[in-house]
Amino acid sequence: MRKLLVPVDGSGAALRALHAAIALAKFVPDSSIHLVHAHEAPRVYGELQVYVPPEKMRALQRKHSEAFLDRAEAELKGTGVRHTREVLEGPIGRTIAEHAERIGCDAIVMGRHGESALNDILMGSVAMKVLHASRLPVLLVR
């Protein structure tokens, strides 16, 4: 494994997945980590558009995503592991899987449960969606 994609969402599971990816990257020479935070496109309904334009919603979402990436990047400081970061927008599971393939990742390392366990139960976990959408190996970390 040379390039690992690690989705982050601020959850403990995502942090544990990042630590597992760091350990793997240190074990395999010349490896790197690509951090991503994926989110759905913001939806602004009806009269709200008058008060909160879509551009403002996108800017707020980007700021929120960058905060997750900042925290993950802080974990990489001092490890000696090369990394990049990126915000993705779209259907989360499919967007993560397709992006990993598009940028030439060798595997995806992610937490089994994200920040919303209730959402996992009701809608299906992002991890399961990535597993079904990806042709790459996916390492799920508890």
N, C-alpha and C. Protein backbone atom coordinates (compact mmCIF):
# COMPACT_ATOMS: atom_id res chain seq x y z
N MET A 1 0.83 -1.18 0.00
CA MET A 1 0.00 0.00 0.00
C MET A 1 0.87 1.24 0.00
N ARG A 2 0.63 2.09 -0.94
CA ARG A 2 1.42 3.32 -1.04
C ARG A 2 0.59 4.57 -0.75
N LYS A 3 -0.68 4.59 -1.18
CA LYS A 3 -1.52 5.77 -0.97
C LYS A 3 -2.83 5.32 -0.33
N LEU A 4 -3.07 5.83 0.88
CA LEU A 4 -4.27 5.47 1.63
C LEU A 4 -5.20 6.66 1.72
N LEU A 5 -6.46 6.46 1.41
CA LEU A 5 -7.46 7.50 1.57
C LEU A 5 -8.13 7.29 2.93
N VAL A 6 -8.18 8.35 3.74
CA VAL A 6 -8.77 8.27 5.07
C VAL A 6 -9.85 9.33 5.20
N PRO A 7 -11.13 8.92 5.19
CA PRO A 7 -12.22 9.88 5.41
C PRO A 7 -12.30 10.22 6.90
N VAL A 8 -12.49 11.50 7.21
CA VAL A 8 -12.61 11.93 8.60
C VAL A 8 -13.90 12.70 8.80
N ASP A 9 -14.50 12.50 9.98
CA ASP A 9 -15.75 13.19 10.29
C ASP A 9 -15.81 13.66 11.74
N GLY A 10 -14.67 13.64 12.42
CA GLY A 10 -14.64 14.09 13.80
C GLY A 10 -14.98 13.01 14.81
N SER A 11 -15.35 11.82 14.36
CA SER A 11 -15.73 10.74 15.29
C SER A 11 -14.49 10.05 15.85
N GLY A 12 -14.68 9.35 16.95
CA GLY A 12 -13.61 8.56 17.53
C GLY A 12 -13.17 7.45 16.59
N ALA A 13 -14.12 6.85 15.88
CA ALA A 13 -13.79 5.78 14.94
C ALA A 13 -12.91 6.31 13.80
N ALA A 14 -13.20 7.50 13.32
CA ALA A 14 -12.39 8.08 12.25
C ALA A 14 -10.97 8.37 12.75
N LEU A 15 -10.86 8.81 14.00
CA LEU A 15 -9.55 9.07 14.58
C LEU A 15 -8.76 7.76 14.73
N ARG A 16 -9.43 6.70 15.18
CA ARG A 16 -8.76 5.40 15.29
C ARG A 16 -8.34 4.89 13.91
N ALA A 17 -9.16 5.12 12.90
CA ALA A 17 -8.81 4.72 11.54
C ALA A 17 -7.59 5.50 11.05
N LEU A 18 -7.53 6.78 11.37
CA LEU A 18 -6.37 7.58 10.98
C LEU A 18 -5.11 7.04 11.65
N HIS A 19 -5.19 6.69 12.92
CA HIS A 19 -4.03 6.14 13.62
C HIS A 19 -3.60 4.81 13.00
N ALA A 20 -4.57 3.99 12.58
CA ALA A 20 -4.24 2.73 11.90
C ALA A 20 -3.56 3.01 10.56
N ALA A 21 -4.05 4.00 9.84
CA ALA A 21 -3.46 4.36 8.55
C ALA A 21 -2.04 4.90 8.73
N ILE A 22 -1.82 5.66 9.78
CA ILE A 22 -0.48 6.18 10.07
C ILE A 22 0.47 5.01 10.33
N ALA A 23 0.03 4.04 11.13
CA ALA A 23 0.86 2.86 11.41
C ALA A 23 1.18 2.10 10.14
N LEU A 24 0.18 1.91 9.27
CA LEU A 24 0.42 1.24 7.99
C LEU A 24 1.39 2.01 7.12
N ALA A 25 1.19 3.33 7.05
CA ALA A 25 2.05 4.17 6.21
C ALA A 25 3.50 4.15 6.70
N LYS A 26 3.69 4.08 8.00
CA LYS A 26 5.05 4.00 8.55
C LYS A 26 5.69 2.65 8.24
N PHE A 27 4.87 1.63 8.16
CA PHE A 27 5.35 0.27 7.92
C PHE A 27 5.76 0.06 6.46
N VAL A 28 5.07 0.72 5.55
CA VAL A 28 5.33 0.57 4.11
C VAL A 28 6.07 1.82 3.62
N PRO A 29 7.32 1.66 3.20
CA PRO A 29 8.11 2.83 2.77
C PRO A 29 7.42 3.61 1.64
N ASP A 30 7.62 4.91 1.64
CA ASP A 30 7.13 5.82 0.61
C ASP A 30 5.60 5.85 0.51
N SER A 31 4.92 5.64 1.63
CA SER A 31 3.46 5.70 1.65
C SER A 31 3.00 7.11 1.99
N SER A 32 1.76 7.40 1.63
CA SER A 32 1.17 8.69 1.96
C SER A 32 -0.30 8.50 2.31
N ILE A 33 -0.85 9.51 2.97
CA ILE A 33 -2.26 9.50 3.38
C ILE A 33 -2.95 10.68 2.72
N HIS A 34 -4.13 10.42 2.18
CA HIS A 34 -4.96 11.48 1.61
C HIS A 34 -6.20 11.61 2.49
N LEU A 35 -6.27 12.68 3.28
CA LEU A 35 -7.40 12.93 4.16
C LEU A 35 -8.54 13.56 3.36
N VAL A 36 -9.76 13.09 3.61
CA VAL A 36 -10.93 13.73 2.99
C VAL A 36 -12.04 13.88 4.02
N HIS A 37 -12.81 14.92 3.85
CA HIS A 37 -14.09 15.04 4.54
C HIS A 37 -15.13 15.21 3.45
N ALA A 38 -16.08 14.29 3.41
CA ALA A 38 -17.13 14.34 2.39
C ALA A 38 -18.45 14.76 3.03
N HIS A 39 -19.20 15.54 2.30
CA HIS A 39 -20.52 15.96 2.77
C HIS A 39 -21.47 16.06 1.60
N GLU A 40 -22.74 15.91 1.89
CA GLU A 40 -23.77 16.09 0.87
C GLU A 40 -23.81 17.56 0.47
N ALA A 41 -24.31 17.83 -0.72
CA ALA A 41 -24.51 19.21 -1.14
C ALA A 41 -25.52 19.86 -0.20
N PRO A 42 -25.25 21.08 0.24
CA PRO A 42 -26.21 21.74 1.15
C PRO A 42 -27.55 21.96 0.45
N ARG A 43 -28.61 21.79 1.21
CA ARG A 43 -29.95 22.01 0.67
C ARG A 43 -30.59 23.17 1.40
N VAL A 44 -31.00 24.15 0.65
CA VAL A 44 -31.69 25.31 1.22
C VAL A 44 -33.08 25.32 0.62
N TYR A 45 -34.09 25.17 1.46
CA TYR A 45 -35.47 25.03 0.99
C TYR A 45 -36.24 26.33 1.06
N GLY A 46 -37.14 26.50 0.12
CA GLY A 46 -38.15 27.54 0.11
C GLY A 46 -37.66 28.92 0.50
N GLU A 47 -38.36 29.50 1.47
CA GLU A 47 -38.11 30.88 1.88
C GLU A 47 -36.74 31.08 2.52
N LEU A 48 -36.13 30.01 2.99
CA LEU A 48 -34.80 30.14 3.59
C LEU A 48 -33.79 30.71 2.59
N GLN A 49 -34.00 30.47 1.31
CA GLN A 49 -33.07 30.96 0.29
C GLN A 49 -32.96 32.48 0.31
N VAL A 50 -34.02 33.14 0.75
CA VAL A 50 -33.99 34.60 0.84
C VAL A 50 -33.00 35.04 1.91
N TYR A 51 -32.92 34.28 2.99
CA TYR A 51 -32.07 34.65 4.13
C TYR A 51 -30.68 34.02 4.10
N VAL A 52 -30.60 32.83 3.53
CA VAL A 52 -29.32 32.12 3.48
C VAL A 52 -29.11 31.62 2.05
N PRO A 53 -28.39 32.39 1.24
CA PRO A 53 -28.18 31.98 -0.14
C PRO A 53 -27.32 30.70 -0.21
N PRO A 54 -27.49 29.91 -1.28
CA PRO A 54 -26.72 28.67 -1.42
C PRO A 54 -25.20 28.87 -1.30
N GLU A 55 -24.69 30.00 -1.78
CA GLU A 55 -23.25 30.26 -1.69
C GLU A 55 -22.81 30.36 -0.23
N LYS A 56 -23.65 30.98 0.60
CA LYS A 56 -23.36 31.11 2.02
C LYS A 56 -23.37 29.73 2.69
N MET A 57 -24.34 28.89 2.32
CA MET A 57 -24.41 27.53 2.88
C MET A 57 -23.17 26.73 2.49
N ARG A 58 -22.74 26.87 1.24
CA ARG A 58 -21.53 26.15 0.79
C ARG A 58 -20.30 26.61 1.57
N ALA A 59 -20.20 27.92 1.79
CA ALA A 59 -19.05 28.46 2.53
C ALA A 59 -19.06 27.96 3.98
N LEU A 60 -20.24 27.91 4.60
CA LEU A 60 -20.34 27.40 5.97
C LEU A 60 -19.98 25.91 6.03
N GLN A 61 -20.45 25.15 5.05
CA GLN A 61 -20.14 23.72 5.01
C GLN A 61 -18.65 23.50 4.80
N ARG A 62 -18.05 24.30 3.94
CA ARG A 62 -16.60 24.17 3.68
C ARG A 62 -15.81 24.46 4.97
N LYS A 63 -16.21 25.51 5.69
CA LYS A 63 -15.54 25.85 6.95
C LYS A 63 -15.65 24.71 7.94
N HIS A 64 -16.82 24.12 8.02
CA HIS A 64 -17.07 22.97 8.90
C HIS A 64 -16.17 21.80 8.50
N SER A 65 -16.09 21.51 7.21
CA SER A 65 -15.26 20.42 6.70
C SER A 65 -13.78 20.66 6.97
N GLU A 66 -13.34 21.89 6.75
CA GLU A 66 -11.93 22.22 6.98
C GLU A 66 -11.54 22.03 8.44
N ALA A 67 -12.48 22.28 9.36
CA ALA A 67 -12.20 22.08 10.79
C ALA A 67 -11.92 20.60 11.07
N PHE A 68 -12.69 19.69 10.46
CA PHE A 68 -12.43 18.26 10.62
C PHE A 68 -11.05 17.90 10.08
N LEU A 69 -10.72 18.45 8.92
CA LEU A 69 -9.42 18.15 8.31
C LEU A 69 -8.27 18.73 9.13
N ASP A 70 -8.47 19.91 9.71
CA ASP A 70 -7.44 20.52 10.57
C ASP A 70 -7.12 19.60 11.75
N ARG A 71 -8.18 19.07 12.39
CA ARG A 71 -7.98 18.18 13.54
C ARG A 71 -7.25 16.91 13.14
N ALA A 72 -7.61 16.35 11.99
CA ALA A 72 -6.94 15.13 11.51
C ALA A 72 -5.49 15.41 11.15
N GLU A 73 -5.27 16.55 10.52
CA GLU A 73 -3.91 16.92 10.12
C GLU A 73 -3.01 17.11 11.35
N ALA A 74 -3.57 17.61 12.44
CA ALA A 74 -2.80 17.77 13.67
C ALA A 74 -2.30 16.42 14.18
N GLU A 75 -3.07 15.37 13.97
CA GLU A 75 -2.65 14.02 14.38
C GLU A 75 -1.46 13.53 13.57
N LEU A 76 -1.31 14.03 12.36
CA LEU A 76 -0.22 13.61 11.47
C LEU A 76 1.09 14.34 11.75
N LYS A 77 1.00 15.47 12.45
CA LYS A 77 2.22 16.24 12.74
C LYS A 77 3.21 15.40 13.52
N GLY A 78 4.45 15.45 13.09
CA GLY A 78 5.50 14.74 13.79
C GLY A 78 5.59 13.25 13.48
N THR A 79 4.71 12.73 12.62
CA THR A 79 4.75 11.30 12.31
C THR A 79 5.70 10.99 11.16
N GLY A 80 6.01 12.01 10.36
CA GLY A 80 6.86 11.78 9.19
C GLY A 80 6.11 11.21 8.00
N VAL A 81 4.80 11.08 8.11
CA VAL A 81 3.98 10.53 7.02
C VAL A 81 3.50 11.68 6.13
N ARG A 82 3.79 11.57 4.83
CA ARG A 82 3.32 12.59 3.88
C ARG A 82 1.80 12.50 3.78
N HIS A 83 1.17 13.66 3.58
CA HIS A 83 -0.28 13.65 3.47
C HIS A 83 -0.77 14.85 2.65
N THR A 84 -1.99 14.69 2.16
CA THR A 84 -2.72 15.76 1.49
C THR A 84 -4.12 15.77 2.10
N ARG A 85 -4.90 16.78 1.75
CA ARG A 85 -6.25 16.88 2.30
C ARG A 85 -7.19 17.49 1.26
N GLU A 86 -8.47 17.16 1.40
CA GLU A 86 -9.43 17.64 0.42
C GLU A 86 -10.85 17.53 0.96
N VAL A 87 -11.69 18.49 0.57
CA VAL A 87 -13.12 18.45 0.88
C VAL A 87 -13.84 17.93 -0.35
N LEU A 88 -14.75 16.99 -0.14
CA LEU A 88 -15.53 16.41 -1.24
C LEU A 88 -17.01 16.70 -1.01
N GLU A 89 -17.75 16.87 -2.11
CA GLU A 89 -19.19 17.11 -2.00
C GLU A 89 -19.92 16.13 -2.90
N GLY A 90 -20.95 15.51 -2.35
CA GLY A 90 -21.76 14.58 -3.11
C GLY A 90 -22.28 13.49 -2.20
N PRO A 91 -22.95 12.49 -2.78
CA PRO A 91 -23.41 11.35 -1.97
C PRO A 91 -22.18 10.72 -1.29
N ILE A 92 -22.14 10.73 0.01
CA ILE A 92 -20.90 10.51 0.75
C ILE A 92 -20.21 9.20 0.42
N GLY A 93 -20.89 8.08 0.56
CA GLY A 93 -20.25 6.78 0.32
C GLY A 93 -19.70 6.64 -1.09
N ARG A 94 -20.53 6.93 -2.06
CA ARG A 94 -20.11 6.81 -3.46
C ARG A 94 -19.01 7.81 -3.80
N THR A 95 -19.12 9.02 -3.28
CA THR A 95 -18.12 10.06 -3.54
C THR A 95 -16.75 9.65 -3.02
N ILE A 96 -16.71 9.10 -1.81
CA ILE A 96 -15.44 8.64 -1.23
C ILE A 96 -14.84 7.54 -2.08
N ALA A 97 -15.65 6.54 -2.42
CA ALA A 97 -15.15 5.39 -3.20
C ALA A 97 -14.64 5.82 -4.57
N GLU A 98 -15.41 6.63 -5.27
CA GLU A 98 -15.02 7.06 -6.62
C GLU A 98 -13.78 7.95 -6.57
N HIS A 99 -13.69 8.81 -5.58
CA HIS A 99 -12.55 9.71 -5.47
C HIS A 99 -11.27 8.92 -5.20
N ALA A 100 -11.34 7.93 -4.34
CA ALA A 100 -10.16 7.11 -4.03
C ALA A 100 -9.62 6.45 -5.30
N GLU A 101 -10.51 5.93 -6.12
CA GLU A 101 -10.08 5.31 -7.38
C GLU A 101 -9.51 6.36 -8.34
N ARG A 102 -10.20 7.49 -8.43
CA ARG A 102 -9.80 8.54 -9.39
C ARG A 102 -8.40 9.06 -9.10
N ILE A 103 -8.03 9.19 -7.82
CA ILE A 103 -6.71 9.76 -7.50
C ILE A 103 -5.64 8.69 -7.31
N GLY A 104 -5.98 7.44 -7.57
CA GLY A 104 -4.98 6.37 -7.55
C GLY A 104 -4.61 5.84 -6.19
N CYS A 105 -5.57 5.82 -5.27
CA CYS A 105 -5.30 5.24 -3.95
C CYS A 105 -5.23 3.72 -4.06
N ASP A 106 -4.49 3.13 -3.13
CA ASP A 106 -4.37 1.69 -3.08
C ASP A 106 -5.40 1.07 -2.14
N ALA A 107 -5.90 1.85 -1.18
CA ALA A 107 -6.88 1.36 -0.22
C ALA A 107 -7.54 2.53 0.48
N ILE A 108 -8.67 2.22 1.12
CA ILE A 108 -9.39 3.18 1.94
C ILE A 108 -9.35 2.64 3.37
N VAL A 109 -9.01 3.51 4.32
CA VAL A 109 -8.99 3.13 5.74
C VAL A 109 -9.98 4.05 6.43
N MET A 110 -11.02 3.47 7.04
CA MET A 110 -12.04 4.31 7.64
C MET A 110 -12.65 3.67 8.87
N GLY A 111 -13.28 4.50 9.68
CA GLY A 111 -13.97 4.02 10.87
C GLY A 111 -15.23 3.27 10.51
N ARG A 112 -15.56 2.30 11.33
CA ARG A 112 -16.76 1.49 11.10
C ARG A 112 -18.03 2.29 11.33
N HIS A 113 -18.03 3.14 12.35
CA HIS A 113 -19.19 3.99 12.64
C HIS A 113 -18.73 5.42 12.68
N GLY A 114 -19.52 6.30 12.06
CA GLY A 114 -19.19 7.72 12.03
C GLY A 114 -19.75 8.46 13.21
N GLU A 115 -19.97 9.75 13.03
CA GLU A 115 -20.40 10.57 14.14
C GLU A 115 -21.86 10.37 14.52
N SER A 116 -22.64 9.69 13.68
CA SER A 116 -24.06 9.51 13.98
C SER A 116 -24.45 8.04 13.93
N ALA A 117 -24.43 7.38 15.07
CA ALA A 117 -24.82 5.97 15.13
C ALA A 117 -26.29 5.79 14.77
N LEU A 118 -27.15 6.74 15.17
CA LEU A 118 -28.57 6.65 14.84
C LEU A 118 -28.77 6.71 13.33
N ASN A 119 -28.06 7.62 12.67
CA ASN A 119 -28.15 7.71 11.21
C ASN A 119 -27.69 6.40 10.56
N ASP A 120 -26.65 5.77 11.12
CA ASP A 120 -26.19 4.48 10.60
C ASP A 120 -27.31 3.46 10.61
N ILE A 121 -28.07 3.43 11.69
CA ILE A 121 -29.16 2.47 11.82
C ILE A 121 -30.28 2.77 10.82
N LEU A 122 -30.65 4.03 10.72
CA LEU A 122 -31.78 4.42 9.88
C LEU A 122 -31.45 4.42 8.38
N MET A 123 -30.27 4.90 8.02
CA MET A 123 -29.94 5.10 6.61
C MET A 123 -28.89 4.13 6.08
N GLY A 124 -28.25 3.38 6.94
CA GLY A 124 -27.14 2.55 6.51
C GLY A 124 -25.86 3.33 6.69
N SER A 125 -24.83 2.66 7.16
CA SER A 125 -23.60 3.39 7.46
C SER A 125 -22.86 3.80 6.19
N VAL A 126 -22.12 4.89 6.33
CA VAL A 126 -21.27 5.34 5.23
C VAL A 126 -20.27 4.25 4.89
N ALA A 127 -19.74 3.59 5.93
CA ALA A 127 -18.76 2.52 5.70
C ALA A 127 -19.33 1.43 4.79
N MET A 128 -20.57 1.02 5.03
CA MET A 128 -21.18 -0.01 4.19
C MET A 128 -21.39 0.50 2.76
N LYS A 129 -21.73 1.76 2.62
CA LYS A 129 -21.92 2.34 1.29
C LYS A 129 -20.59 2.38 0.55
N VAL A 130 -19.50 2.72 1.26
CA VAL A 130 -18.18 2.73 0.63
C VAL A 130 -17.79 1.31 0.22
N LEU A 131 -18.02 0.35 1.11
CA LEU A 131 -17.71 -1.06 0.80
C LEU A 131 -18.39 -1.52 -0.48
N HIS A 132 -19.66 -1.16 -0.62
CA HIS A 132 -20.41 -1.59 -1.80
C HIS A 132 -20.02 -0.84 -3.07
N ALA A 133 -19.56 0.40 -2.92
CA ALA A 133 -19.25 1.21 -4.09
C ALA A 133 -17.79 1.09 -4.56
N SER A 134 -16.91 0.62 -3.69
CA SER A 134 -15.48 0.64 -4.00
C SER A 134 -14.99 -0.67 -4.60
N ARG A 135 -14.08 -0.54 -5.54
CA ARG A 135 -13.37 -1.71 -6.06
C ARG A 135 -12.02 -1.87 -5.37
N LEU A 136 -11.69 -0.90 -4.50
CA LEU A 136 -10.43 -0.94 -3.76
C LEU A 136 -10.63 -1.69 -2.44
N PRO A 137 -9.56 -2.18 -1.84
CA PRO A 137 -9.67 -2.74 -0.49
C PRO A 137 -10.10 -1.64 0.48
N VAL A 138 -10.96 -2.02 1.42
CA VAL A 138 -11.43 -1.08 2.44
C VAL A 138 -11.16 -1.71 3.81
N LEU A 139 -10.38 -1.03 4.60
CA LEU A 139 -10.08 -1.48 5.96
C LEU A 139 -10.96 -0.70 6.91
N LEU A 140 -11.86 -1.42 7.62
CA LEU A 140 -12.73 -0.80 8.59
C LEU A 140 -12.13 -0.96 9.98
N VAL A 141 -12.07 0.14 10.71
CA VAL A 141 -11.47 0.15 12.03
C VAL A 141 -12.57 0.43 13.04
N ARG A 142 -12.60 -0.37 14.12
CA ARG A 142 -13.61 -0.18 15.18
C ARG A 142 -13.23 0.96 16.09
